[in-house]
Amino acid sequence: MHEELRVDGGDQAAEPGLGLPPDLGLPLFVYGLLQPNELAHEHVVGALSAVEPAAVDGAVLRIRDGLPLFCVADHGRVRGSVLWPTDPAESYRRIGAFEPRHHYKWGTVTADVADRRVLTNVLVGRRPRHGTPDEVFEDWRGAMDPTFSHMMGAIDEMVTEHAVPPFPMAPGHSGDMWDRFVRLSATYLVLWSVVERYATLRFGATLEPMARLRAVQGSTDFQAAAGPYVAEPIRAVVDSRNPEKKVGLRTDGSNALTYWYLVRSNLSHRGKSAFRDGELLRTCTLGLHATMRALLESMPGPAES
C-alpha cells in the first residue's frame, strides 16, 4: 500500500551528498538553487551575516537536467551572490548534504563583490560537457525551468479541456467517456512530472524520490495550498494488490499528496469505470493542479527569470 508516499520495494537509492569543502572559513559564491529567492536557499544555508551580489569572470554555466553547472572557461562571466554564513560549519554541513557528489565538487574562485575581490568556495560542475547542450549562460533562475513555464502552461489548457465539466454519473461505458478518461489520465501524469520537478529543486537530489514527496507534503505552504481542495468528502482509494487496504483523503490536507499519488499509481490497473473513476480522476486533477499552480505562483524569484 502506498501509505504516506511509501512504495513497497520501489524507492530508488538517493545520491550521496558532497560533504564539506576544505576551507570552512571562506564565504560561498552561489549561482543556482542556493541563491537568495530560490527554492532551496532557506533549507540549506542557515543564518547569514551578509549576502552580496557578485560575479566571476572566466566562467560559464552549462545546464544539465535543468540544473546549472559552474565551469571555468577562457571567456564568459557568471552572476550570482556571495553568502557569509554566521555558522559556517552548520551551513556547509547542510549544503554538503543537499548537493549530489555525482554532479558537483568543491572548488575556490575569486569573485568580484562591490569594489573588491573575494576568495570564495564554489560548487564546480563535474564533467560539465557530459549530457549538456553547447549553449552556455551567464545566470540562472529556477523560474526559468520549462517545466514550470511551458509545461505548466500546456497543463493549464489540458485541465480546462478535459477536467470540466464533471463526468456524468450514470451507468454505461460510452466511447466519449473513455476517450475523455484517457486524455485526463495523460494530463494527470504530465502534471505529476511538475510535482516531482518541484520536489527535486526544493529538497534536492540526495533524497530518494519518495522522501522528497513526503517533504513537499509536510511543508506548511503545500498544506495551505491544498486545503481548499480537500474539504469535501471524497471516496477512499483501494490498494489494487489488497482490497482490504485503502486510503482516504483527510480534510485537513495532511495526506493530500499521498492520496493523489495513489490515484496516479492506480491509473495503469484494469477494471476502471469510465464514469466513476473518471470523476475521481477529474477531482484529483483539479485539486493537484490548483495546489501546484498556487505553489508555483508563490515560488521565490519568478519576476527575476
Protein backbone atom coordinates (compact mmCIF):
# COMPACT_ATOMS: atom_id res chain seq x y z
CA MET A 1 0.00 0.00 0.00
CA HIS A 2 1.24 3.49 -0.83
CA GLU A 3 0.59 4.81 2.68
CA GLU A 4 2.18 8.21 3.22
CA LEU A 5 4.05 8.01 -0.08
CA ARG A 6 5.85 4.78 0.76
CA VAL A 7 6.11 2.32 -2.12
CA ASP A 8 6.96 -1.26 -1.19
CA GLY A 9 10.28 -2.06 -2.85
CA GLY A 10 10.00 0.95 -5.12
CA ASP A 11 12.28 3.56 -3.57
CA GLN A 12 15.33 4.47 -5.61
CA ALA A 13 18.68 4.99 -3.92
CA ALA A 14 19.49 8.59 -3.12
CA GLU A 15 22.62 10.20 -4.50
CA PRO A 16 25.40 10.63 -1.90
CA GLY A 17 25.98 14.11 -0.57
CA LEU A 18 29.00 16.21 -1.43
CA GLY A 19 30.39 16.70 2.06
CA LEU A 20 32.34 19.67 3.38
CA PRO A 21 34.74 21.98 1.49
CA PRO A 22 38.40 22.00 2.56
CA ASP A 23 38.20 25.54 3.95
CA LEU A 24 35.12 26.33 6.07
CA GLY A 25 36.40 29.85 6.67
CA LEU A 26 35.67 31.05 3.14
CA PRO A 27 32.32 32.53 2.09
CA LEU A 28 30.34 30.82 -0.67
CA PHE A 29 29.68 32.02 -4.22
CA VAL A 30 26.27 30.69 -5.30
CA TYR A 31 24.68 30.75 -8.75
CA GLY A 32 21.89 28.13 -8.66
CA LEU A 33 19.40 26.71 -6.18
CA LEU A 34 21.29 28.16 -3.19
CA GLN A 35 20.83 31.75 -4.34
CA PRO A 36 18.58 34.05 -2.33
CA ASN A 37 14.99 33.86 -3.60
CA GLU A 38 15.44 30.30 -4.85
CA LEU A 39 13.52 27.25 -3.60
CA ALA A 40 16.41 25.58 -1.76
CA HIS A 41 18.05 28.64 -0.21
CA GLU A 42 16.24 28.65 3.13
CA HIS A 43 16.59 24.88 3.63
CA VAL A 44 20.36 24.57 3.30
CA VAL A 45 22.07 27.84 4.06
CA GLY A 46 21.04 28.78 7.62
CA ALA A 47 21.67 32.20 9.15
CA LEU A 48 23.71 34.67 7.12
CA SER A 49 25.58 37.74 8.24
CA ALA A 50 25.63 39.17 4.72
CA VAL A 51 24.51 38.45 1.16
CA GLU A 52 26.18 40.41 -1.63
CA PRO A 53 25.64 40.39 -5.39
CA ALA A 54 28.74 39.10 -7.12
CA ALA A 55 30.15 37.91 -10.43
CA VAL A 56 33.01 35.67 -11.56
CA ASP A 57 34.89 36.28 -14.79
CA GLY A 58 36.36 33.43 -16.81
CA ALA A 59 33.45 31.10 -16.17
CA VAL A 60 30.17 29.97 -17.75
CA LEU A 61 27.12 27.97 -16.71
CA ARG A 62 26.06 24.81 -18.53
CA ILE A 63 22.66 23.23 -17.90
CA ARG A 64 22.26 19.51 -17.25
CA ASP A 65 18.83 18.12 -16.41
CA GLY A 66 17.71 21.67 -15.76
CA LEU A 67 20.40 22.43 -13.16
CA PRO A 68 23.33 24.82 -13.65
CA LEU A 69 26.95 23.64 -13.62
CA PHE A 70 29.70 26.17 -12.94
CA CYS A 71 32.55 25.73 -15.44
CA VAL A 72 35.88 27.52 -15.57
CA ALA A 73 36.44 28.91 -19.08
CA ASP A 74 38.69 31.26 -21.02
CA HIS A 75 35.77 33.63 -21.51
CA GLY A 76 32.39 34.45 -20.03
CA ARG A 77 31.00 35.75 -16.76
CA VAL A 78 28.74 34.12 -14.16
CA ARG A 79 26.46 36.21 -11.98
CA GLY A 80 25.30 35.18 -8.53
CA SER A 81 25.77 36.08 -4.87
CA VAL A 82 28.35 35.64 -2.13
CA LEU A 83 26.95 34.27 1.13
CA TRP A 84 28.58 34.91 4.50
CA PRO A 85 27.23 32.33 7.00
CA THR A 86 27.12 33.14 10.69
CA ASP A 87 27.78 29.46 11.43
CA PRO A 88 29.90 28.18 8.52
CA ALA A 89 30.19 24.63 9.85
CA GLU A 90 26.40 24.22 10.05
CA SER A 91 25.71 25.95 6.73
CA TYR A 92 28.32 23.92 4.87
CA ARG A 93 27.05 20.73 6.53
CA ARG A 94 23.58 21.40 5.13
CA ILE A 95 24.91 22.31 1.71
CA GLY A 96 27.18 19.26 1.60
CA ALA A 97 24.22 17.01 2.42
CA PHE A 98 21.98 18.72 -0.17
CA GLU A 99 24.29 18.76 -3.21
CA PRO A 100 24.97 15.43 -5.01
CA ARG A 101 28.63 14.49 -5.43
CA HIS A 102 27.94 12.93 -8.83
CA HIS A 103 27.21 16.40 -10.21
CA TYR A 104 29.36 18.77 -8.16
CA LYS A 105 32.71 19.09 -6.43
CA TRP A 106 34.20 21.79 -4.24
CA GLY A 107 36.48 24.44 -5.70
CA THR A 108 37.57 28.01 -5.00
CA VAL A 109 37.16 31.08 -7.14
CA THR A 110 37.77 34.82 -6.85
CA ALA A 111 34.54 36.78 -7.09
CA ASP A 112 34.01 40.46 -7.81
CA VAL A 113 31.96 41.83 -4.89
CA ALA A 114 31.18 45.56 -4.98
CA ASP A 115 34.58 47.28 -5.19
CA ARG A 116 36.72 44.34 -4.02
CA ARG A 117 37.70 40.80 -4.95
CA VAL A 118 36.94 37.95 -2.56
CA LEU A 119 38.21 34.37 -2.49
CA THR A 120 35.21 32.05 -2.08
CA ASN A 121 34.19 28.43 -2.12
CA VAL A 122 32.11 27.40 -5.13
CA LEU A 123 30.32 24.30 -6.39
CA VAL A 124 32.04 23.26 -9.63
CA GLY A 125 30.22 21.03 -12.11
CA ARG A 126 31.60 17.52 -12.64
CA ARG A 127 32.04 16.52 -16.28
CA PRO A 128 30.17 19.62 -17.43
CA ARG A 129 30.21 18.65 -21.11
CA HIS A 130 28.55 15.29 -20.46
CA GLY A 131 24.81 15.45 -21.11
CA THR A 132 24.72 19.20 -21.69
CA PRO A 133 23.96 21.27 -24.81
CA ASP A 134 26.51 23.62 -26.33
CA GLU A 135 24.60 26.68 -25.11
CA VAL A 136 26.11 28.48 -22.08
CA PHE A 137 24.55 31.00 -19.70
CA GLU A 138 25.56 33.94 -17.53
CA ASP A 139 22.94 33.44 -14.84
CA TRP A 140 20.20 31.00 -13.79
CA ARG A 141 16.84 31.16 -12.05
CA GLY A 142 14.56 28.29 -11.08
CA ALA A 143 11.57 30.08 -12.57
CA MET A 144 13.30 29.69 -15.96
CA ASP A 145 12.71 25.93 -15.80
CA PRO A 146 10.47 24.98 -18.75
CA THR A 147 8.60 22.52 -16.52
CA PHE A 148 7.22 25.47 -14.55
CA SER A 149 6.54 27.70 -17.52
CA HIS A 150 5.88 25.96 -20.83
CA MET A 151 4.82 22.58 -19.45
CA MET A 152 2.58 24.02 -16.76
CA GLY A 153 1.04 26.36 -19.31
CA ALA A 154 0.15 23.39 -21.51
CA ILE A 155 -1.27 21.56 -18.47
CA ASP A 156 -3.49 24.56 -17.71
CA GLU A 157 -5.05 24.17 -21.15
CA MET A 158 -5.37 20.39 -20.81
CA VAL A 159 -7.12 20.72 -17.45
CA THR A 160 -9.57 23.25 -18.89
CA GLU A 161 -10.30 20.93 -21.81
CA HIS A 162 -10.60 17.58 -20.01
CA ALA A 163 -11.36 18.24 -16.32
CA VAL A 164 -14.55 20.27 -16.69
CA PRO A 165 -17.46 19.69 -16.52
CA PRO A 166 -17.98 16.67 -14.16
CA PHE A 167 -18.23 13.19 -15.61
CA PRO A 168 -21.89 12.13 -15.99
CA MET A 169 -22.59 9.81 -13.06
CA ALA A 170 -24.68 7.29 -14.93
CA PRO A 171 -24.18 3.60 -15.78
CA GLY A 172 -22.60 2.62 -19.04
CA HIS A 173 -19.21 2.99 -20.68
CA SER A 174 -19.68 5.29 -23.62
CA GLY A 175 -16.86 5.82 -26.04
CA ASP A 176 -16.89 9.55 -25.33
CA MET A 177 -16.33 8.99 -21.61
CA TRP A 178 -13.49 6.55 -22.19
CA ASP A 179 -11.83 8.94 -24.63
CA ARG A 180 -12.04 11.69 -22.03
CA PHE A 181 -10.76 9.36 -19.30
CA VAL A 182 -7.65 8.51 -21.33
CA ARG A 183 -6.90 12.16 -22.09
CA LEU A 184 -7.45 13.15 -18.48
CA SER A 185 -5.11 10.33 -17.38
CA ALA A 186 -2.40 11.74 -19.65
CA THR A 187 -2.97 15.21 -18.20
CA TYR A 188 -2.64 13.86 -14.66
CA LEU A 189 0.59 12.01 -15.40
CA VAL A 190 2.19 15.07 -17.00
CA LEU A 191 1.07 17.14 -14.01
CA TRP A 192 2.92 14.72 -11.76
CA SER A 193 6.14 15.44 -13.63
CA VAL A 194 5.75 19.05 -12.45
CA VAL A 195 5.24 17.85 -8.87
CA GLU A 196 8.39 15.74 -8.98
CA ARG A 197 10.43 18.51 -10.57
CA TYR A 198 9.34 20.94 -7.88
CA ALA A 199 10.18 18.39 -5.17
CA THR A 200 13.68 17.86 -6.59
CA LEU A 201 14.51 21.55 -6.86
CA ARG A 202 13.20 22.29 -3.40
CA PHE A 203 14.53 19.34 -1.42
CA GLY A 204 17.42 18.08 -3.53
CA ALA A 205 18.59 15.03 -5.45
CA THR A 206 20.35 13.49 -2.45
CA LEU A 207 16.95 12.45 -1.06
CA GLU A 208 15.25 9.45 -2.62
CA PRO A 209 12.13 10.34 -4.66
CA MET A 210 9.52 9.33 -2.09
CA ALA A 211 11.33 11.25 0.66
CA ARG A 212 11.21 14.39 -1.50
CA LEU A 213 7.46 14.00 -1.99
CA ARG A 214 6.95 13.43 1.72
CA ALA A 215 8.89 16.63 2.38
CA VAL A 216 6.62 18.55 0.00
CA GLN A 217 3.52 17.10 1.65
CA GLY A 218 4.80 18.03 5.11
CA SER A 219 5.51 21.65 4.21
CA THR A 220 3.13 24.26 5.56
CA ASP A 221 2.79 26.03 2.22
CA PHE A 222 1.72 22.81 0.47
CA GLN A 223 -0.89 22.05 3.10
CA ALA A 224 -2.20 25.61 2.93
CA ALA A 225 -2.40 25.43 -0.87
CA ALA A 226 -4.09 22.00 -0.82
CA GLY A 227 -6.54 22.91 1.94
CA PRO A 228 -9.34 24.38 -0.23
CA TYR A 229 -9.39 21.24 -2.42
CA VAL A 230 -9.69 18.54 0.25
CA ALA A 231 -12.55 19.89 2.38
CA GLU A 232 -15.28 17.99 0.51
CA PRO A 233 -15.74 14.24 1.20
CA ILE A 234 -14.20 12.00 -1.46
CA ARG A 235 -14.17 8.24 -1.63
CA ALA A 236 -11.22 6.20 -0.42
CA VAL A 237 -8.82 4.66 -2.92
CA VAL A 238 -8.26 0.91 -2.65
CA ASP A 239 -4.87 -0.74 -3.00
CA SER A 240 -5.00 -2.77 -6.22
CA ARG A 241 -2.99 -5.59 -4.60
CA ASN A 242 -5.11 -5.91 -1.48
CA PRO A 243 -8.70 -4.57 -1.48
CA GLU A 244 -8.73 -4.62 2.33
CA LYS A 245 -6.26 -1.73 2.30
CA LYS A 246 -7.45 1.72 1.39
CA VAL A 247 -6.52 5.38 1.81
CA GLY A 248 -8.97 8.20 2.44
CA LEU A 249 -8.30 11.88 1.84
CA ARG A 250 -8.07 13.77 5.12
CA THR A 251 -9.95 17.04 5.17
CA ASP A 252 -7.01 18.88 6.77
CA GLY A 253 -4.86 18.20 3.71
CA SER A 254 -2.17 16.40 5.72
CA ASN A 255 -2.12 13.38 3.38
CA ALA A 256 -3.28 15.04 0.16
CA LEU A 257 -0.17 14.22 -1.84
CA THR A 258 -0.25 10.61 -0.62
CA TYR A 259 -3.83 10.28 -1.82
CA TRP A 260 -3.17 11.96 -5.16
CA TYR A 261 -0.08 9.80 -5.63
CA LEU A 262 -2.06 6.62 -5.02
CA VAL A 263 -4.56 7.68 -7.67
CA ARG A 264 -1.64 8.12 -10.08
CA SER A 265 -0.28 4.68 -9.16
CA ASN A 266 -3.65 3.05 -9.82
CA LEU A 267 -4.12 4.54 -13.29
CA SER A 268 -2.43 1.62 -15.05
CA HIS A 269 -4.59 -1.07 -13.41
CA ARG A 270 -7.56 -2.64 -15.17
CA GLY A 271 -11.16 -2.70 -14.06
CA LYS A 272 -11.83 1.01 -14.49
CA SER A 273 -15.26 2.59 -14.63
CA ALA A 274 -15.34 5.42 -17.13
CA PHE A 275 -17.80 7.50 -15.14
CA ARG A 276 -16.99 6.56 -11.50
CA ASP A 277 -13.19 6.50 -11.77
CA GLY A 278 -13.31 9.31 -14.29
CA GLU A 279 -14.97 11.59 -11.77
CA LEU A 280 -12.43 10.63 -9.09
CA LEU A 281 -9.57 11.34 -11.51
CA ARG A 282 -11.16 14.65 -12.53
CA THR A 283 -11.48 15.77 -8.90
CA CYS A 284 -7.88 14.80 -8.12
CA THR A 285 -6.59 16.54 -11.24
CA LEU A 286 -8.36 19.76 -10.31
CA GLY A 287 -7.09 19.62 -6.73
CA LEU A 288 -3.48 18.80 -7.56
CA HIS A 289 -3.37 21.28 -10.44
CA ALA A 290 -4.73 24.14 -8.32
CA THR A 291 -2.34 23.27 -5.49
CA MET A 292 0.73 23.23 -7.73
CA ARG A 293 -0.38 26.38 -9.51
CA ALA A 294 -0.58 28.15 -6.11
CA LEU A 295 2.88 26.86 -5.11
CA LEU A 296 4.44 27.95 -8.39
CA GLU A 297 2.86 31.38 -8.23
CA SER A 298 4.40 31.89 -4.80
CA MET A 299 7.74 30.43 -5.90
CA PRO A 300 10.61 32.76 -4.95
CA GLY A 301 12.03 34.97 -7.64
CA PRO A 302 9.76 34.38 -10.69
CA ALA A 303 9.95 38.04 -11.67
CA GLU A 304 13.73 37.73 -11.95
CA SER A 305 13.58 34.99 -14.59
